[in-house]
Amino acid sequence: MGVERTKPSTTAIVIVDVQDKLASAMPPERMAQVERACRILIGAASELGAPVLCTEQYPKGLGATVEPVRTALAKADVSPIEKLTFSACAEPRFVQALKDTGADAAVVIGMETHVCVFQTVRDLCARGLRVDVPVDGVVSRRDDHRDAGLALCEKAGATLTTAETLLFDWLVQAGTDTFKKLSRLVR
C-alpha cells in the first residue's frame, strides 16, 4: 500500500490537549512548531472543508487550549471536548463527534506524543481510519519520549508527515485563489 492522498472533506483534524500548563513544560522551539502546525491545519480545514476536533485533558488542572490555537479554533467555530482518558477514542463524546463528521481519515497533532497522541493514533488506526501524524505538530517534554511516540504511531499504522506536506497535498496545484490564500499560512 502506498501513501494515498486524503480528501480534506473526509479527513478530521484532531488536536489533542494543546493546553496552557502542559505547554509551559514543553521545549519552547518545539511548542512554537506545534502552534504553527495547528494554525496551518485549522486554516486549511476552514478553507477546504475538513472537520476539526479538539480535546482538552482535565482542563481544571491543565488549563485551556493555548491562546494562539484557541483563537484559531474560535474562528473555525470549534469547541474543545473535555476528557480524562489518555486516548481521545476512550471519550464517548469524542467518538460521537468523530462519527458525526463522516471522516475516514484523521490528522492527529498535539501533546504529549508518547501518551495521549500515541494512544489516540493507535485507537484511530484500530478503528480503520487512515491516520497522518505531522512530526512538526507533536511534542513531548523530552525528545526521546517524542521520538518513541512517533515510532509507536508509525508502528500502529500512521503515516509520518508535516503540516506543510498535508497542506500542499490537499491544494494539488499552485495558481488558484485557494492556493494564494492558504500558501500565506506557511510564509
N, C-alpha and C. Protein backbone atom coordinates (compact mmCIF):
# COMPACT_ATOMS: atom_id res chain seq x y z
N MET A 1 0.84 -1.18 0.00
CA MET A 1 0.00 0.00 0.00
C MET A 1 0.88 1.24 0.00
N GLY A 2 0.56 2.19 -0.85
CA GLY A 2 1.31 3.42 -0.94
C GLY A 2 0.76 4.47 0.02
N VAL A 3 1.16 5.69 -0.23
CA VAL A 3 0.68 6.81 0.57
C VAL A 3 -0.32 7.57 -0.28
N GLU A 4 -1.59 7.24 -0.11
CA GLU A 4 -2.64 7.86 -0.89
C GLU A 4 -2.94 9.26 -0.37
N ARG A 5 -3.40 10.11 -1.29
CA ARG A 5 -3.82 11.46 -0.90
C ARG A 5 -5.17 11.36 -0.19
N THR A 6 -5.28 12.04 0.94
CA THR A 6 -6.57 12.10 1.62
C THR A 6 -7.37 13.27 1.05
N LYS A 7 -8.67 13.25 1.29
CA LYS A 7 -9.55 14.34 0.89
C LYS A 7 -9.87 15.16 2.13
N PRO A 8 -9.69 16.48 2.07
CA PRO A 8 -9.99 17.29 3.25
C PRO A 8 -11.41 17.08 3.78
N SER A 9 -12.37 16.92 2.90
CA SER A 9 -13.77 16.80 3.33
C SER A 9 -14.04 15.55 4.17
N THR A 10 -13.17 14.55 4.06
CA THR A 10 -13.35 13.32 4.84
C THR A 10 -12.16 13.04 5.75
N THR A 11 -11.40 14.08 6.05
CA THR A 11 -10.25 13.97 6.95
C THR A 11 -10.45 14.88 8.15
N ALA A 12 -10.54 14.30 9.33
CA ALA A 12 -10.72 15.09 10.55
C ALA A 12 -9.35 15.53 11.07
N ILE A 13 -9.24 16.81 11.37
CA ILE A 13 -8.06 17.33 12.06
C ILE A 13 -8.34 17.15 13.55
N VAL A 14 -7.50 16.38 14.23
CA VAL A 14 -7.70 16.07 15.65
C VAL A 14 -6.56 16.72 16.44
N ILE A 15 -6.91 17.72 17.23
CA ILE A 15 -5.94 18.46 18.03
C ILE A 15 -6.06 17.95 19.47
N VAL A 16 -4.98 17.34 19.96
CA VAL A 16 -5.01 16.65 21.24
C VAL A 16 -4.28 17.46 22.32
N ASP A 17 -5.03 18.02 23.25
CA ASP A 17 -4.51 18.52 24.53
C ASP A 17 -3.39 19.57 24.41
N VAL A 18 -3.54 20.54 23.53
CA VAL A 18 -2.55 21.61 23.40
C VAL A 18 -2.94 22.69 24.41
N GLN A 19 -2.57 22.45 25.67
CA GLN A 19 -3.08 23.24 26.80
C GLN A 19 -1.99 24.01 27.53
N ASP A 20 -2.42 25.09 28.19
CA ASP A 20 -1.51 26.03 28.83
C ASP A 20 -0.48 25.39 29.75
N LYS A 21 -0.93 24.63 30.75
CA LYS A 21 0.01 24.10 31.74
C LYS A 21 0.91 23.02 31.15
N LEU A 22 0.40 22.27 30.19
CA LEU A 22 1.26 21.30 29.50
C LEU A 22 2.29 22.04 28.65
N ALA A 23 1.84 23.07 27.94
CA ALA A 23 2.72 23.80 27.03
C ALA A 23 3.91 24.41 27.76
N SER A 24 3.68 24.88 28.98
CA SER A 24 4.78 25.52 29.72
C SER A 24 5.89 24.54 30.08
N ALA A 25 5.61 23.24 30.02
CA ALA A 25 6.62 22.22 30.33
C ALA A 25 7.33 21.70 29.09
N MET A 26 6.94 22.17 27.91
CA MET A 26 7.50 21.67 26.65
C MET A 26 8.69 22.51 26.20
N PRO A 27 9.59 21.91 25.39
CA PRO A 27 10.68 22.71 24.82
C PRO A 27 10.08 23.84 23.97
N PRO A 28 10.48 25.09 24.23
CA PRO A 28 9.86 26.24 23.55
C PRO A 28 9.88 26.17 22.02
N GLU A 29 11.01 25.71 21.44
CA GLU A 29 11.09 25.65 19.97
C GLU A 29 10.08 24.66 19.41
N ARG A 30 9.97 23.53 20.06
CA ARG A 30 9.02 22.50 19.61
C ARG A 30 7.58 22.99 19.80
N MET A 31 7.33 23.68 20.90
CA MET A 31 5.98 24.19 21.17
C MET A 31 5.59 25.21 20.10
N ALA A 32 6.53 26.05 19.69
CA ALA A 32 6.25 27.02 18.63
C ALA A 32 5.90 26.29 17.33
N GLN A 33 6.59 25.19 17.03
CA GLN A 33 6.27 24.40 15.84
C GLN A 33 4.86 23.82 15.91
N VAL A 34 4.48 23.34 17.08
CA VAL A 34 3.15 22.76 17.25
C VAL A 34 2.08 23.83 17.04
N GLU A 35 2.27 25.00 17.63
CA GLU A 35 1.30 26.08 17.45
C GLU A 35 1.19 26.47 15.98
N ARG A 36 2.32 26.52 15.27
CA ARG A 36 2.31 26.84 13.84
C ARG A 36 1.57 25.75 13.05
N ALA A 37 1.86 24.50 13.35
CA ALA A 37 1.18 23.39 12.65
C ALA A 37 -0.33 23.45 12.90
N CYS A 38 -0.72 23.76 14.12
CA CYS A 38 -2.15 23.89 14.43
C CYS A 38 -2.78 25.00 13.59
N ARG A 39 -2.14 26.14 13.52
CA ARG A 39 -2.69 27.26 12.73
C ARG A 39 -2.78 26.90 11.25
N ILE A 40 -1.75 26.24 10.71
CA ILE A 40 -1.78 25.83 9.30
C ILE A 40 -2.95 24.88 9.05
N LEU A 41 -3.08 23.87 9.88
CA LEU A 41 -4.09 22.85 9.64
C LEU A 41 -5.51 23.35 9.92
N ILE A 42 -5.69 24.20 10.92
CA ILE A 42 -7.01 24.77 11.17
C ILE A 42 -7.39 25.71 10.02
N GLY A 43 -6.43 26.51 9.56
CA GLY A 43 -6.69 27.40 8.42
C GLY A 43 -7.05 26.63 7.16
N ALA A 44 -6.29 25.57 6.89
CA ALA A 44 -6.58 24.73 5.72
C ALA A 44 -7.94 24.07 5.87
N ALA A 45 -8.23 23.58 7.06
CA ALA A 45 -9.52 22.91 7.30
C ALA A 45 -10.68 23.86 7.05
N SER A 46 -10.55 25.08 7.53
CA SER A 46 -11.63 26.06 7.36
C SER A 46 -11.88 26.36 5.89
N GLU A 47 -10.83 26.48 5.13
CA GLU A 47 -10.95 26.81 3.70
C GLU A 47 -11.38 25.62 2.85
N LEU A 48 -10.90 24.42 3.22
CA LEU A 48 -11.11 23.24 2.37
C LEU A 48 -12.22 22.31 2.85
N GLY A 49 -12.84 22.66 3.97
CA GLY A 49 -13.99 21.88 4.44
C GLY A 49 -13.66 20.64 5.25
N ALA A 50 -12.48 20.60 5.86
CA ALA A 50 -12.13 19.47 6.73
C ALA A 50 -12.70 19.73 8.13
N PRO A 51 -13.29 18.72 8.74
CA PRO A 51 -13.77 18.90 10.11
C PRO A 51 -12.60 18.98 11.10
N VAL A 52 -12.79 19.73 12.17
CA VAL A 52 -11.76 19.89 13.20
C VAL A 52 -12.36 19.48 14.55
N LEU A 53 -11.62 18.64 15.27
CA LEU A 53 -11.97 18.26 16.64
C LEU A 53 -10.80 18.60 17.54
N CYS A 54 -11.10 19.02 18.75
CA CYS A 54 -10.05 19.38 19.71
C CYS A 54 -10.41 18.79 21.06
N THR A 55 -9.42 18.24 21.75
CA THR A 55 -9.64 17.72 23.10
C THR A 55 -8.83 18.52 24.11
N GLU A 56 -9.32 18.51 25.34
CA GLU A 56 -8.59 19.07 26.47
C GLU A 56 -8.59 18.03 27.58
N GLN A 57 -7.41 17.66 28.04
CA GLN A 57 -7.24 16.70 29.13
C GLN A 57 -7.38 17.44 30.46
N TYR A 58 -8.39 17.09 31.24
CA TYR A 58 -8.62 17.64 32.57
C TYR A 58 -8.29 19.14 32.62
N PRO A 59 -9.10 19.97 31.95
CA PRO A 59 -8.80 21.40 31.86
C PRO A 59 -8.76 22.13 33.21
N LYS A 60 -9.46 21.61 34.22
CA LYS A 60 -9.39 22.25 35.55
C LYS A 60 -7.97 22.25 36.07
N GLY A 61 -7.23 21.21 35.78
CA GLY A 61 -5.86 21.11 36.27
C GLY A 61 -4.81 21.53 35.26
N LEU A 62 -5.08 21.30 33.97
CA LEU A 62 -4.07 21.55 32.94
C LEU A 62 -4.34 22.81 32.12
N GLY A 63 -5.42 23.51 32.43
CA GLY A 63 -5.72 24.75 31.74
C GLY A 63 -6.42 24.55 30.41
N ALA A 64 -6.70 25.67 29.78
CA ALA A 64 -7.39 25.68 28.49
C ALA A 64 -6.40 25.48 27.35
N THR A 65 -6.92 25.33 26.16
CA THR A 65 -6.09 25.28 24.95
C THR A 65 -5.29 26.58 24.87
N VAL A 66 -4.03 26.49 24.44
CA VAL A 66 -3.16 27.67 24.39
C VAL A 66 -3.76 28.74 23.48
N GLU A 67 -3.48 29.98 23.82
CA GLU A 67 -4.12 31.12 23.17
C GLU A 67 -4.03 31.13 21.64
N PRO A 68 -2.89 30.99 21.02
CA PRO A 68 -2.90 31.09 19.56
C PRO A 68 -3.81 30.05 18.91
N VAL A 69 -3.84 28.86 19.48
CA VAL A 69 -4.67 27.78 18.93
C VAL A 69 -6.14 28.03 19.28
N ARG A 70 -6.39 28.52 20.48
CA ARG A 70 -7.76 28.81 20.92
C ARG A 70 -8.42 29.84 19.99
N THR A 71 -7.67 30.86 19.60
CA THR A 71 -8.20 31.88 18.69
C THR A 71 -8.53 31.28 17.33
N ALA A 72 -7.63 30.45 16.81
CA ALA A 72 -7.88 29.81 15.51
C ALA A 72 -9.10 28.89 15.59
N LEU A 73 -9.24 28.16 16.69
CA LEU A 73 -10.40 27.28 16.87
C LEU A 73 -11.70 28.08 16.95
N ALA A 74 -11.66 29.22 17.64
CA ALA A 74 -12.85 30.05 17.77
C ALA A 74 -13.30 30.56 16.39
N LYS A 75 -12.33 30.96 15.56
CA LYS A 75 -12.66 31.42 14.20
C LYS A 75 -13.29 30.29 13.39
N ALA A 76 -12.88 29.05 13.67
CA ALA A 76 -13.42 27.89 12.96
C ALA A 76 -14.67 27.33 13.65
N ASP A 77 -15.11 28.00 14.73
CA ASP A 77 -16.30 27.59 15.48
C ASP A 77 -16.16 26.18 16.06
N VAL A 78 -14.99 25.92 16.66
CA VAL A 78 -14.72 24.60 17.25
C VAL A 78 -14.55 24.77 18.76
N SER A 79 -15.28 23.97 19.52
CA SER A 79 -15.16 23.95 20.98
C SER A 79 -14.46 22.67 21.41
N PRO A 80 -13.54 22.77 22.37
CA PRO A 80 -12.84 21.57 22.84
C PRO A 80 -13.77 20.58 23.53
N ILE A 81 -13.40 19.32 23.43
CA ILE A 81 -14.10 18.23 24.11
C ILE A 81 -13.25 17.84 25.32
N GLU A 82 -13.82 17.97 26.50
CA GLU A 82 -13.09 17.61 27.72
C GLU A 82 -12.98 16.10 27.84
N LYS A 83 -11.83 15.66 28.38
CA LYS A 83 -11.63 14.23 28.59
C LYS A 83 -10.75 14.00 29.80
N LEU A 84 -10.84 12.82 30.35
CA LEU A 84 -9.94 12.37 31.41
C LEU A 84 -9.11 11.19 30.92
N THR A 85 -9.54 10.56 29.85
CA THR A 85 -8.83 9.41 29.29
C THR A 85 -7.63 9.89 28.49
N PHE A 86 -6.62 9.06 28.39
CA PHE A 86 -5.45 9.44 27.59
C PHE A 86 -5.79 9.39 26.10
N SER A 87 -6.42 8.34 25.65
CA SER A 87 -6.86 8.27 24.25
C SER A 87 -8.16 9.03 24.08
N ALA A 88 -8.20 9.91 23.10
CA ALA A 88 -9.46 10.60 22.80
C ALA A 88 -10.55 9.60 22.45
N CYS A 89 -10.16 8.47 21.89
CA CYS A 89 -11.13 7.45 21.46
C CYS A 89 -11.79 6.73 22.63
N ALA A 90 -11.31 6.95 23.84
CA ALA A 90 -11.94 6.37 25.02
C ALA A 90 -12.96 7.34 25.63
N GLU A 91 -13.09 8.51 25.03
CA GLU A 91 -14.07 9.51 25.47
C GLU A 91 -15.28 9.44 24.54
N PRO A 92 -16.44 9.02 25.04
CA PRO A 92 -17.62 8.84 24.18
C PRO A 92 -18.02 10.08 23.38
N ARG A 93 -17.88 11.27 23.96
CA ARG A 93 -18.25 12.49 23.22
C ARG A 93 -17.34 12.72 22.02
N PHE A 94 -16.07 12.38 22.17
CA PHE A 94 -15.15 12.49 21.04
C PHE A 94 -15.52 11.48 19.96
N VAL A 95 -15.76 10.25 20.36
CA VAL A 95 -16.11 9.19 19.40
C VAL A 95 -17.35 9.59 18.61
N GLN A 96 -18.36 10.13 19.29
CA GLN A 96 -19.59 10.54 18.61
C GLN A 96 -19.32 11.72 17.67
N ALA A 97 -18.55 12.69 18.14
CA ALA A 97 -18.22 13.85 17.30
C ALA A 97 -17.46 13.41 16.05
N LEU A 98 -16.53 12.48 16.21
CA LEU A 98 -15.78 11.97 15.07
C LEU A 98 -16.72 11.25 14.11
N LYS A 99 -17.58 10.42 14.64
CA LYS A 99 -18.54 9.69 13.81
C LYS A 99 -19.42 10.66 13.03
N ASP A 100 -19.85 11.73 13.69
CA ASP A 100 -20.71 12.73 13.06
C ASP A 100 -20.04 13.43 11.88
N THR A 101 -18.71 13.47 11.86
CA THR A 101 -18.01 14.12 10.74
C THR A 101 -18.04 13.26 9.48
N GLY A 102 -18.20 11.95 9.65
CA GLY A 102 -18.14 11.05 8.49
C GLY A 102 -16.73 10.83 7.98
N ALA A 103 -15.73 11.22 8.76
CA ALA A 103 -14.34 11.11 8.33
C ALA A 103 -13.89 9.65 8.21
N ASP A 104 -13.09 9.39 7.18
CA ASP A 104 -12.45 8.08 7.04
C ASP A 104 -10.94 8.18 7.23
N ALA A 105 -10.49 9.40 7.56
CA ALA A 105 -9.07 9.65 7.79
C ALA A 105 -8.95 10.71 8.88
N ALA A 106 -7.77 10.78 9.51
CA ALA A 106 -7.53 11.77 10.55
C ALA A 106 -6.09 12.24 10.49
N VAL A 107 -5.91 13.50 10.84
CA VAL A 107 -4.59 14.08 11.06
C VAL A 107 -4.54 14.39 12.55
N VAL A 108 -3.58 13.81 13.25
CA VAL A 108 -3.52 13.96 14.71
C VAL A 108 -2.29 14.78 15.08
N ILE A 109 -2.53 15.86 15.82
CA ILE A 109 -1.46 16.72 16.32
C ILE A 109 -1.72 17.00 17.79
N GLY A 110 -0.67 17.39 18.51
CA GLY A 110 -0.86 17.76 19.90
C GLY A 110 0.22 17.24 20.82
N MET A 111 -0.17 17.00 22.07
CA MET A 111 0.78 16.61 23.09
C MET A 111 0.16 15.69 24.12
N GLU A 112 0.91 14.95 24.82
CA GLU A 112 2.28 14.59 24.54
C GLU A 112 2.30 13.42 23.57
N THR A 113 3.31 13.42 22.72
CA THR A 113 3.41 12.45 21.64
C THR A 113 3.34 11.02 22.13
N HIS A 114 4.05 10.73 23.21
CA HIS A 114 4.18 9.34 23.68
C HIS A 114 3.02 8.88 24.56
N VAL A 115 2.09 9.77 24.87
CA VAL A 115 0.97 9.39 25.74
C VAL A 115 -0.35 9.58 24.97
N CYS A 116 -0.95 10.75 25.08
CA CYS A 116 -2.29 10.96 24.51
C CYS A 116 -2.30 10.92 22.99
N VAL A 117 -1.28 11.47 22.34
CA VAL A 117 -1.24 11.42 20.88
C VAL A 117 -1.11 9.98 20.41
N PHE A 118 -0.13 9.25 20.94
CA PHE A 118 0.06 7.86 20.52
C PHE A 118 -1.19 7.02 20.76
N GLN A 119 -1.76 7.11 21.96
CA GLN A 119 -2.92 6.26 22.26
C GLN A 119 -4.11 6.60 21.35
N THR A 120 -4.29 7.88 21.05
CA THR A 120 -5.36 8.28 20.13
C THR A 120 -5.09 7.76 18.73
N VAL A 121 -3.85 7.90 18.26
CA VAL A 121 -3.48 7.40 16.93
C VAL A 121 -3.70 5.89 16.84
N ARG A 122 -3.21 5.17 17.83
CA ARG A 122 -3.36 3.71 17.82
C ARG A 122 -4.83 3.32 17.73
N ASP A 123 -5.67 3.99 18.51
CA ASP A 123 -7.09 3.65 18.53
C ASP A 123 -7.79 4.06 17.24
N LEU A 124 -7.40 5.17 16.65
CA LEU A 124 -7.98 5.57 15.35
C LEU A 124 -7.59 4.57 14.26
N CYS A 125 -6.34 4.16 14.26
CA CYS A 125 -5.89 3.15 13.29
C CYS A 125 -6.66 1.84 13.48
N ALA A 126 -6.86 1.45 14.74
CA ALA A 126 -7.59 0.21 15.03
C ALA A 126 -9.04 0.30 14.57
N ARG A 127 -9.58 1.52 14.50
CA ARG A 127 -10.95 1.72 14.02
C ARG A 127 -11.01 1.76 12.49
N GLY A 128 -9.86 1.63 11.84
CA GLY A 128 -9.84 1.58 10.38
C GLY A 128 -9.65 2.91 9.68
N LEU A 129 -9.34 3.97 10.42
CA LEU A 129 -9.09 5.26 9.78
C LEU A 129 -7.66 5.31 9.26
N ARG A 130 -7.47 6.01 8.18
CA ARG A 130 -6.13 6.35 7.69
C ARG A 130 -5.68 7.51 8.57
N VAL A 131 -4.51 7.42 9.19
CA VAL A 131 -4.05 8.44 10.14
C VAL A 131 -2.70 9.00 9.70
N ASP A 132 -2.63 10.33 9.65
CA ASP A 132 -1.38 11.04 9.40
C ASP A 132 -0.98 11.77 10.68
N VAL A 133 0.31 11.75 10.99
CA VAL A 133 0.84 12.46 12.15
C VAL A 133 1.94 13.41 11.67
N PRO A 134 1.65 14.71 11.62
CA PRO A 134 2.69 15.67 11.26
C PRO A 134 3.74 15.76 12.37
N VAL A 135 4.99 15.48 12.04
CA VAL A 135 6.04 15.47 13.06
C VAL A 135 6.28 16.85 13.65
N ASP A 136 5.93 17.90 12.89
CA ASP A 136 6.07 19.26 13.40
C ASP A 136 4.86 19.67 14.25
N GLY A 137 3.89 18.78 14.38
CA GLY A 137 2.68 19.10 15.12
C GLY A 137 2.53 18.34 16.42
N VAL A 138 3.60 17.66 16.85
CA VAL A 138 3.55 16.90 18.11
C VAL A 138 4.76 17.21 18.97
N VAL A 139 4.58 17.10 20.27
CA VAL A 139 5.65 17.43 21.20
C VAL A 139 5.50 16.62 22.49
N SER A 140 6.63 16.35 23.11
CA SER A 140 6.69 15.78 24.46
C SER A 140 7.72 16.59 25.24
N ARG A 141 7.70 16.46 26.54
CA ARG A 141 8.68 17.21 27.35
C ARG A 141 10.10 16.84 26.98
N ARG A 142 10.32 15.56 26.67
CA ARG A 142 11.66 15.10 26.30
C ARG A 142 11.64 14.60 24.87
N ASP A 143 12.71 14.88 24.13
CA ASP A 143 12.79 14.46 22.73
C ASP A 143 12.80 12.95 22.58
N ASP A 144 13.41 12.21 23.54
CA ASP A 144 13.39 10.75 23.40
C ASP A 144 11.98 10.20 23.56
N HIS A 145 11.16 10.85 24.38
CA HIS A 145 9.76 10.44 24.50
C HIS A 145 8.99 10.76 23.22
N ARG A 146 9.27 11.91 22.63
CA ARG A 146 8.64 12.28 21.36
C ARG A 146 9.03 11.28 20.28
N ASP A 147 10.31 10.97 20.20
CA ASP A 147 10.79 10.02 19.18
C ASP A 147 10.14 8.65 19.37
N ALA A 148 10.06 8.18 20.62
CA ALA A 148 9.43 6.89 20.89
C ALA A 148 7.95 6.93 20.52
N GLY A 149 7.28 8.03 20.84
CA GLY A 149 5.87 8.18 20.50
C GLY A 149 5.64 8.15 19.00
N LEU A 150 6.51 8.82 18.24
CA LEU A 150 6.38 8.81 16.77
C LEU A 150 6.61 7.41 16.22
N ALA A 151 7.61 6.71 16.77
CA ALA A 151 7.86 5.33 16.31
C ALA A 151 6.66 4.44 16.59
N LEU A 152 6.04 4.62 17.75
CA LEU A 152 4.86 3.83 18.09
C LEU A 152 3.68 4.18 17.18
N CYS A 153 3.51 5.47 16.87
CA CYS A 153 2.44 5.88 15.95
C CYS A 153 2.62 5.21 14.60
N GLU A 154 3.86 5.22 14.11
CA GLU A 154 4.14 4.60 12.81
C GLU A 154 3.89 3.09 12.87
N LYS A 155 4.31 2.46 13.94
CA LYS A 155 4.10 1.01 14.10
C LYS A 155 2.61 0.68 14.16
N ALA A 156 1.81 1.60 14.72
CA ALA A 156 0.36 1.40 14.80
C ALA A 156 -0.32 1.54 13.44
N GLY A 157 0.41 2.10 12.47
CA GLY A 157 -0.15 2.23 11.13
C GLY A 157 -0.26 3.64 10.60
N ALA A 158 0.16 4.63 11.38
CA ALA A 158 0.08 6.02 10.94
C ALA A 158 1.21 6.35 9.97
N THR A 159 0.97 7.37 9.15
CA THR A 159 1.98 7.91 8.24
C THR A 159 2.54 9.18 8.86
N LEU A 160 3.86 9.25 8.98
CA LEU A 160 4.51 10.46 9.49
C LEU A 160 4.67 11.44 8.34
N THR A 161 4.37 12.71 8.60
CA THR A 161 4.37 13.73 7.55
C THR A 161 4.67 15.07 8.20
N THR A 162 4.34 16.17 7.54
CA THR A 162 4.42 17.51 8.12
C THR A 162 3.14 18.26 7.77
N ALA A 163 2.89 19.33 8.51
CA ALA A 163 1.70 20.15 8.23
C ALA A 163 1.77 20.72 6.81
N GLU A 164 2.94 21.20 6.40
CA GLU A 164 3.09 21.75 5.04
C GLU A 164 2.86 20.69 3.98
N THR A 165 3.38 19.49 4.20
CA THR A 165 3.18 18.41 3.23
C THR A 165 1.69 18.16 3.03
N LEU A 166 0.95 18.08 4.11
CA LEU A 166 -0.50 17.87 4.01
C LEU A 166 -1.18 19.03 3.29
N LEU A 167 -0.83 20.25 3.66
CA LEU A 167 -1.43 21.43 3.03
C LEU A 167 -1.26 21.39 1.52
N PHE A 168 -0.02 21.21 1.06
CA PHE A 168 0.23 21.25 -0.38
C PHE A 168 -0.31 20.02 -1.10
N ASP A 169 -0.39 18.89 -0.40
CA ASP A 169 -1.00 17.71 -0.99
C ASP A 169 -2.49 17.96 -1.23
N TRP A 170 -3.13 18.63 -0.29
CA TRP A 170 -4.55 18.95 -0.44
C TRP A 170 -4.78 20.02 -1.51
N LEU A 171 -3.85 20.96 -1.64
CA LEU A 171 -4.02 22.03 -2.63
C LEU A 171 -3.84 21.54 -4.06
N VAL A 172 -3.02 20.55 -4.27
CA VAL A 172 -2.77 19.89 -5.56
C VAL A 172 -2.01 20.77 -6.55
N GLN A 173 -2.39 22.04 -6.70
CA GLN A 173 -1.71 22.88 -7.69
C GLN A 173 -1.60 24.32 -7.21
N ALA A 174 -0.61 25.01 -7.76
CA ALA A 174 -0.41 26.43 -7.47
C ALA A 174 -1.28 27.26 -8.41
N GLY A 175 -1.35 28.56 -8.11
CA GLY A 175 -2.00 29.49 -9.02
C GLY A 175 -3.49 29.70 -8.79
N THR A 176 -4.11 28.87 -7.98
CA THR A 176 -5.54 29.04 -7.72
C THR A 176 -5.74 30.07 -6.61
N ASP A 177 -6.95 30.59 -6.49
CA ASP A 177 -7.25 31.52 -5.40
C ASP A 177 -7.06 30.86 -4.04
N THR A 178 -7.45 29.60 -3.94
CA THR A 178 -7.29 28.87 -2.68
C THR A 178 -5.81 28.71 -2.35
N PHE A 179 -4.99 28.38 -3.35
CA PHE A 179 -3.55 28.28 -3.13
C PHE A 179 -2.99 29.61 -2.63
N LYS A 180 -3.36 30.71 -3.28
CA LYS A 180 -2.84 32.02 -2.89
C LYS A 180 -3.22 32.34 -1.44
N LYS A 181 -4.44 32.01 -1.07
CA LYS A 181 -4.89 32.30 0.30
C LYS A 181 -4.17 31.41 1.32
N LEU A 182 -4.11 30.11 1.06
CA LEU A 182 -3.57 29.18 2.05
C LEU A 182 -2.04 29.15 2.08
N SER A 183 -1.38 29.47 0.98
CA SER A 183 0.08 29.46 1.00
C SER A 183 0.63 30.53 1.95
N ARG A 184 -0.18 31.53 2.26
CA ARG A 184 0.24 32.55 3.24
C ARG A 184 0.44 31.95 4.63
N LEU A 185 -0.24 30.84 4.89
CA LEU A 185 -0.12 30.20 6.21
C LEU A 185 1.29 29.68 6.48
N VAL A 186 2.06 29.42 5.44
CA VAL A 186 3.39 28.82 5.64
C VAL A 186 4.53 29.82 5.41
N ARG A 187 4.21 31.05 5.20
CA ARG A 187 5.26 32.06 5.00
C ARG A 187 5.80 32.57 6.31
